[in-house]
Amino acid sequence: MTTGEKTARFEQNFAAYTGAQHAQAVNSCTAGLHLALAALGIGSGDEVITTPLTFCSTVNVILAVGAKPVLADIGPDLNISSESIAEVLSSRTRAIIPVHFAGLPCEMNSIWALARERKLSVIEDAAHAAGALYAGRPIGSGTSDAVAFSFYATKNLSTGEGGMVTTPSAELADRMRVLCLHGISRDAWARYSEKGSWYYEVTACGFKYNMSDIMAAIGLVQLKRLEMMTARRIAIAQRYNHAFADIPEVELPPDSPESRHCWHLYPLRLNLARLTIDRAQFFDAMRERGIGCSVHFIPIPLHPFYRETLDLPVPCSRALSEYARLISIPLHSRMNDAEIDRVTWAVRDVSTHFSKKKQVAACASFKPVGQTA
């Protein structure tokens, strides 16, 4: 029922899939990020740079180890910008947490180069990126100190709840394995097996982050299907791209020929200057047509807690401006063609109905009563 043989096998299989040297199964991506920061010894007085366009957990784990989150702005691809990272570096910077937004890998070569130059740790937040490739290699395959994945219910590979953290370092892997289960010696789970011993030692102040065999059993099956599910997501994204390419009221999501986008999200950007409605009204109009949408993400500086408790001097102007026009439309690997067509029809219908171009054309064709054309 709890951590056992299936969890160990899931770790081995996931490491083989990603090309990682070591993999530690955890109960969430948040746990994986926290484990990595703690195992690297990052804490009070240290600064960790990350993106403002992310879920709150990315920032919360930095606070959890006592470090200070520092935000660097995003680039045109909606991922953290290495140029912005360089602008916010300080003598206290210890690590960078890039987030692969929507499943599109960050431009990691420039981030790794900067980290090597300044002797910084890199922990990738790959919550969206199971199945993604960067420069032909799976996300999680190495170079960064650690890479944390999410297997939450909505993710490309799901165990309901759960996650994985990979690393090329045997030393870091051992440290994370100890911290993952209360700081008990690394093979603690084996004490409940026929080969285990009753004796154990607590060697560090750790956490309760272990994955159960129930979750791992689901993960083992999901992992076998991940390539197939990724291919379907890519096919759906391509259909969306084709359907929306000729609509000036929306902008297609960013992509890169150097990466395999795994399309955890399909984030449309509304060209608000071409629409008579704002993002919230577009959202409502989609709902009226039977299509649920979401917004990813509310930038970190806009949340009351961070605004009131953190020193956030960097404006992150691109993240804030992009947020106002971001809307995620449905995308998952079990969508059928009819469902895809329903979504594309709704986007096209809302975009056309509330187009300023249509409004201008209607005004131009209007003739006062009694006036002939």
Foldseek 3Di string as FASTA:
>chain_A
DFDDDLQVVLFVVLCVVQQFPGKAKWQFLLLQLLLLCVLVVDAAQAEEEEAQQADCSNQVSCVVRHYAYAHFFPDPQRWGDLVSVVVPDDPRYAEYETECPQQADDPVVSVLVVCVVNVHAYEYECQAHQVKWFQRGGPQNESGQKYKYWQDPLHLQHLNTIIMMGGNDPSSNLSSQCQQCQQKHNVVVCLPPPPHNPDIDRDDGHDPTHGGSSSSVSRVVSVVCSNVFLVLLVVLLVVLCVLCVPQPQKDFRDHDPRMRRSRSWGKIFGPVVFFPDWPVVLQVLLVVLVWHKAARDDGPCVDPVCVPPHDHPDPSVVSVVRRRGIITGDTGSPDDPVNSVSRSVSNVVSSVVGTVVVVVVVVVPDDPPPDDD
